[in-house]
Amino acid sequence: MKVNFDIECTPEEARRFLGLPDIAPMQERMMKELEERMAENLRALDPETLVKTWMPMTMNGWGEMQKMFWGQMGVNMPGEDSKTKKKTA
């Protein structure tokens, strides 16, 4: 035998019926504190630090990554000897 119940209630009504605590006030305080901390940290960052944080790879690192990619594809980078994989000029 199979019995189905459809109960229509709001999440707040379900929470109260099941005896769960109301965490909305705590969540609001935590979100406000999180916003304040993020705003404070953003104010403290200078543009140079911000760019270094977002882009940790240097241009040399990008070049190395590109060489590795092309090496995996079996293609020589411009200026490399096809047999020795060393720069020719």
N, C-alpha and C. Protein backbone atom coordinates (compact mmCIF):
# COMPACT_ATOMS: atom_id res chain seq x y z
N MET A 1 0.84 -1.16 0.00
CA MET A 1 0.00 0.00 0.00
C MET A 1 0.90 1.24 0.00
N LYS A 2 0.53 2.20 -0.81
CA LYS A 2 1.33 3.40 -0.92
C LYS A 2 0.44 4.60 -0.63
N VAL A 3 0.94 5.47 0.27
CA VAL A 3 0.18 6.66 0.64
C VAL A 3 1.04 7.89 0.39
N ASN A 4 0.50 8.87 -0.27
CA ASN A 4 1.20 10.12 -0.54
C ASN A 4 0.50 11.26 0.16
N PHE A 5 1.28 12.15 0.74
CA PHE A 5 0.75 13.36 1.36
C PHE A 5 1.36 14.56 0.65
N ASP A 6 0.54 15.47 0.26
CA ASP A 6 1.01 16.74 -0.29
C ASP A 6 0.70 17.82 0.74
N ILE A 7 1.77 18.44 1.25
CA ILE A 7 1.60 19.47 2.26
C ILE A 7 2.11 20.78 1.67
N GLU A 8 1.25 21.76 1.70
CA GLU A 8 1.65 23.07 1.20
C GLU A 8 1.88 23.99 2.38
N CYS A 9 3.13 24.44 2.49
CA CYS A 9 3.47 25.38 3.55
C CYS A 9 4.72 26.14 3.13
N THR A 10 4.93 27.23 3.78
CA THR A 10 6.12 28.02 3.49
C THR A 10 7.32 27.40 4.22
N PRO A 11 8.52 27.72 3.81
CA PRO A 11 9.68 27.21 4.53
C PRO A 11 9.67 27.62 6.01
N GLU A 12 9.20 28.83 6.29
CA GLU A 12 9.11 29.29 7.68
C GLU A 12 8.14 28.43 8.48
N GLU A 13 7.00 28.08 7.90
CA GLU A 13 6.03 27.22 8.59
C GLU A 13 6.60 25.82 8.80
N ALA A 14 7.28 25.29 7.81
CA ALA A 14 7.89 23.96 7.95
C ALA A 14 8.96 23.97 9.03
N ARG A 15 9.76 25.03 9.07
CA ARG A 15 10.82 25.14 10.07
C ARG A 15 10.22 25.14 11.47
N ARG A 16 9.19 25.95 11.66
CA ARG A 16 8.56 26.01 12.99
C ARG A 16 7.91 24.68 13.35
N PHE A 17 7.24 24.03 12.39
CA PHE A 17 6.57 22.76 12.65
C PHE A 17 7.58 21.69 13.07
N LEU A 18 8.75 21.68 12.43
CA LEU A 18 9.76 20.68 12.76
C LEU A 18 10.63 21.06 13.95
N GLY A 19 10.43 22.27 14.48
CA GLY A 19 11.17 22.70 15.65
C GLY A 19 12.60 23.12 15.37
N LEU A 20 12.89 23.52 14.15
CA LEU A 20 14.23 23.95 13.80
C LEU A 20 14.44 25.40 14.21
N PRO A 21 15.66 25.77 14.57
CA PRO A 21 15.92 27.14 15.01
C PRO A 21 15.84 28.13 13.85
N ASP A 22 15.50 29.36 14.17
CA ASP A 22 15.45 30.43 13.19
C ASP A 22 16.84 31.06 13.10
N ILE A 23 17.53 30.82 12.01
CA ILE A 23 18.90 31.33 11.87
C ILE A 23 18.97 32.57 10.99
N ALA A 24 17.84 33.09 10.55
CA ALA A 24 17.84 34.27 9.67
C ALA A 24 18.56 35.46 10.30
N PRO A 25 18.31 35.80 11.58
CA PRO A 25 19.03 36.94 12.17
C PRO A 25 20.55 36.73 12.20
N MET A 26 20.98 35.51 12.53
CA MET A 26 22.41 35.21 12.56
C MET A 26 23.00 35.31 11.15
N GLN A 27 22.28 34.80 10.17
CA GLN A 27 22.76 34.84 8.79
C GLN A 27 22.89 36.29 8.31
N GLU A 28 21.94 37.13 8.66
CA GLU A 28 22.01 38.55 8.29
C GLU A 28 23.23 39.23 8.91
N ARG A 29 23.50 38.95 10.20
CA ARG A 29 24.67 39.53 10.86
C ARG A 29 25.96 39.06 10.19
N MET A 30 26.03 37.76 9.90
CA MET A 30 27.24 37.20 9.27
C MET A 30 27.47 37.80 7.88
N MET A 31 26.40 37.97 7.12
CA MET A 31 26.54 38.55 5.78
C MET A 31 26.99 40.01 5.86
N LYS A 32 26.46 40.74 6.84
CA LYS A 32 26.86 42.13 7.01
C LYS A 32 28.35 42.21 7.38
N GLU A 33 28.79 41.35 8.29
CA GLU A 33 30.20 41.32 8.70
C GLU A 33 31.09 40.93 7.52
N LEU A 34 30.64 39.96 6.73
CA LEU A 34 31.41 39.52 5.56
C LEU A 34 31.55 40.67 4.56
N GLU A 35 30.46 41.39 4.32
CA GLU A 35 30.52 42.54 3.41
C GLU A 35 31.50 43.60 3.91
N GLU A 36 31.45 43.88 5.21
CA GLU A 36 32.35 44.88 5.79
C GLU A 36 33.81 44.46 5.64
N ARG A 37 34.11 43.19 5.90
CA ARG A 37 35.48 42.70 5.78
C ARG A 37 35.96 42.77 4.34
N MET A 38 35.11 42.37 3.40
CA MET A 38 35.50 42.41 1.99
C MET A 38 35.76 43.85 1.54
N ALA A 39 34.89 44.77 1.94
CA ALA A 39 35.07 46.17 1.56
C ALA A 39 36.36 46.73 2.17
N GLU A 40 36.65 46.37 3.41
CA GLU A 40 37.88 46.82 4.07
C GLU A 40 39.11 46.29 3.35
N ASN A 41 39.09 45.02 2.96
CA ASN A 41 40.22 44.42 2.26
C ASN A 41 40.41 45.04 0.88
N LEU A 42 39.31 45.34 0.20
CA LEU A 42 39.43 45.96 -1.11
C LEU A 42 39.99 47.38 -1.00
N ARG A 43 39.62 48.10 0.04
CA ARG A 43 40.15 49.44 0.23
C ARG A 43 41.65 49.40 0.52
N ALA A 44 42.09 48.35 1.19
CA ALA A 44 43.50 48.25 1.58
C ALA A 44 44.41 47.84 0.42
N LEU A 45 43.85 47.24 -0.62
CA LEU A 45 44.67 46.78 -1.74
C LEU A 45 44.99 47.92 -2.68
N ASP A 46 46.25 48.03 -3.05
CA ASP A 46 46.63 48.98 -4.08
C ASP A 46 46.52 48.26 -5.43
N PRO A 47 46.44 49.00 -6.53
CA PRO A 47 46.25 48.38 -7.85
C PRO A 47 47.32 47.34 -8.20
N GLU A 48 48.57 47.60 -7.85
CA GLU A 48 49.64 46.66 -8.18
C GLU A 48 49.42 45.32 -7.48
N THR A 49 49.09 45.36 -6.19
CA THR A 49 48.85 44.13 -5.43
C THR A 49 47.63 43.40 -5.98
N LEU A 50 46.62 44.15 -6.35
CA LEU A 50 45.41 43.55 -6.90
C LEU A 50 45.72 42.79 -8.19
N VAL A 51 46.49 43.38 -9.08
CA VAL A 51 46.84 42.72 -10.33
C VAL A 51 47.70 41.49 -10.06
N LYS A 52 48.63 41.59 -9.12
CA LYS A 52 49.48 40.44 -8.79
C LYS A 52 48.65 39.30 -8.20
N THR A 53 47.62 39.64 -7.44
CA THR A 53 46.75 38.62 -6.85
C THR A 53 45.94 37.91 -7.92
N TRP A 54 45.40 38.68 -8.86
CA TRP A 54 44.56 38.11 -9.90
C TRP A 54 45.34 37.43 -11.00
N MET A 55 46.57 37.87 -11.25
CA MET A 55 47.37 37.32 -12.34
C MET A 55 48.73 36.89 -11.81
N PRO A 56 48.80 35.75 -11.14
CA PRO A 56 50.06 35.33 -10.53
C PRO A 56 51.12 34.92 -11.54
N MET A 57 50.71 34.55 -12.76
CA MET A 57 51.70 34.12 -13.74
C MET A 57 52.33 35.33 -14.41
N THR A 58 53.62 35.33 -14.50
CA THR A 58 54.31 36.42 -15.19
C THR A 58 54.26 36.16 -16.69
N MET A 59 54.70 37.13 -17.47
CA MET A 59 54.72 36.95 -18.92
C MET A 59 55.65 35.80 -19.30
N ASN A 60 56.74 35.62 -18.56
CA ASN A 60 57.64 34.50 -18.81
C ASN A 60 56.90 33.19 -18.57
N GLY A 61 56.09 33.15 -17.53
CA GLY A 61 55.29 31.96 -17.24
C GLY A 61 54.32 31.65 -18.37
N TRP A 62 53.72 32.69 -18.94
CA TRP A 62 52.80 32.49 -20.08
C TRP A 62 53.57 31.90 -21.26
N GLY A 63 54.78 32.41 -21.50
CA GLY A 63 55.60 31.89 -22.59
C GLY A 63 55.93 30.42 -22.40
N GLU A 64 56.29 30.06 -21.18
CA GLU A 64 56.60 28.66 -20.88
C GLU A 64 55.37 27.77 -21.07
N MET A 65 54.22 28.26 -20.66
CA MET A 65 52.99 27.49 -20.82
C MET A 65 52.68 27.31 -22.30
N GLN A 66 52.88 28.35 -23.10
CA GLN A 66 52.64 28.27 -24.53
C GLN A 66 53.60 27.27 -25.18
N LYS A 67 54.89 27.30 -24.78
CA LYS A 67 55.86 26.35 -25.31
C LYS A 67 55.44 24.91 -24.98
N MET A 68 55.00 24.70 -23.75
CA MET A 68 54.57 23.36 -23.35
C MET A 68 53.37 22.91 -24.18
N PHE A 69 52.43 23.82 -24.39
CA PHE A 69 51.24 23.50 -25.18
C PHE A 69 51.62 23.11 -26.60
N TRP A 70 52.43 23.94 -27.24
CA TRP A 70 52.83 23.65 -28.61
C TRP A 70 53.69 22.40 -28.67
N GLY A 71 54.51 22.15 -27.66
CA GLY A 71 55.31 20.94 -27.62
C GLY A 71 54.43 19.69 -27.58
N GLN A 72 53.35 19.75 -26.83
CA GLN A 72 52.42 18.62 -26.76
C GLN A 72 51.72 18.40 -28.10
N MET A 73 51.53 19.49 -28.84
CA MET A 73 50.86 19.39 -30.13
C MET A 73 51.83 18.97 -31.24
N GLY A 74 53.12 18.92 -30.94
CA GLY A 74 54.12 18.52 -31.92
C GLY A 74 54.49 19.64 -32.87
N VAL A 75 54.27 20.88 -32.46
CA VAL A 75 54.57 22.03 -33.31
C VAL A 75 55.74 22.79 -32.70
N ASN A 76 56.68 23.23 -33.52
CA ASN A 76 57.81 24.01 -33.04
C ASN A 76 57.42 25.46 -32.92
N MET A 77 57.94 26.09 -31.91
CA MET A 77 57.74 27.52 -31.75
C MET A 77 58.60 28.23 -32.79
N PRO A 78 58.18 29.42 -33.25
CA PRO A 78 59.02 30.17 -34.19
C PRO A 78 60.40 30.42 -33.59
N GLY A 79 61.46 30.18 -34.39
CA GLY A 79 62.81 30.40 -33.92
C GLY A 79 63.44 29.18 -33.27
N GLU A 80 62.76 28.03 -33.26
CA GLU A 80 63.34 26.81 -32.67
C GLU A 80 63.76 25.85 -33.77
N ASP A 81 64.84 25.15 -33.53
CA ASP A 81 65.31 24.13 -34.47
C ASP A 81 64.43 22.90 -34.31
N SER A 82 63.99 22.30 -35.39
CA SER A 82 63.05 21.18 -35.32
C SER A 82 63.67 19.92 -34.71
N LYS A 83 65.01 19.75 -34.80
CA LYS A 83 65.62 18.53 -34.28
C LYS A 83 66.06 18.66 -32.84
N THR A 84 66.60 19.81 -32.49
CA THR A 84 67.15 19.95 -31.13
C THR A 84 66.20 20.66 -30.19
N LYS A 85 65.16 21.29 -30.71
CA LYS A 85 64.21 22.03 -29.90
C LYS A 85 64.87 23.17 -29.14
N LYS A 86 65.95 23.70 -29.73
CA LYS A 86 66.63 24.84 -29.11
C LYS A 86 66.47 26.05 -30.02
N LYS A 87 66.52 27.21 -29.40
CA LYS A 87 66.39 28.45 -30.17
C LYS A 87 67.58 28.59 -31.10
N THR A 88 67.26 28.99 -32.36
CA THR A 88 68.32 29.14 -33.35
C THR A 88 68.88 30.55 -33.40
N ALA A 89 68.07 31.54 -33.12
CA ALA A 89 68.58 32.91 -33.15
C ALA A 89 67.94 33.75 -32.09
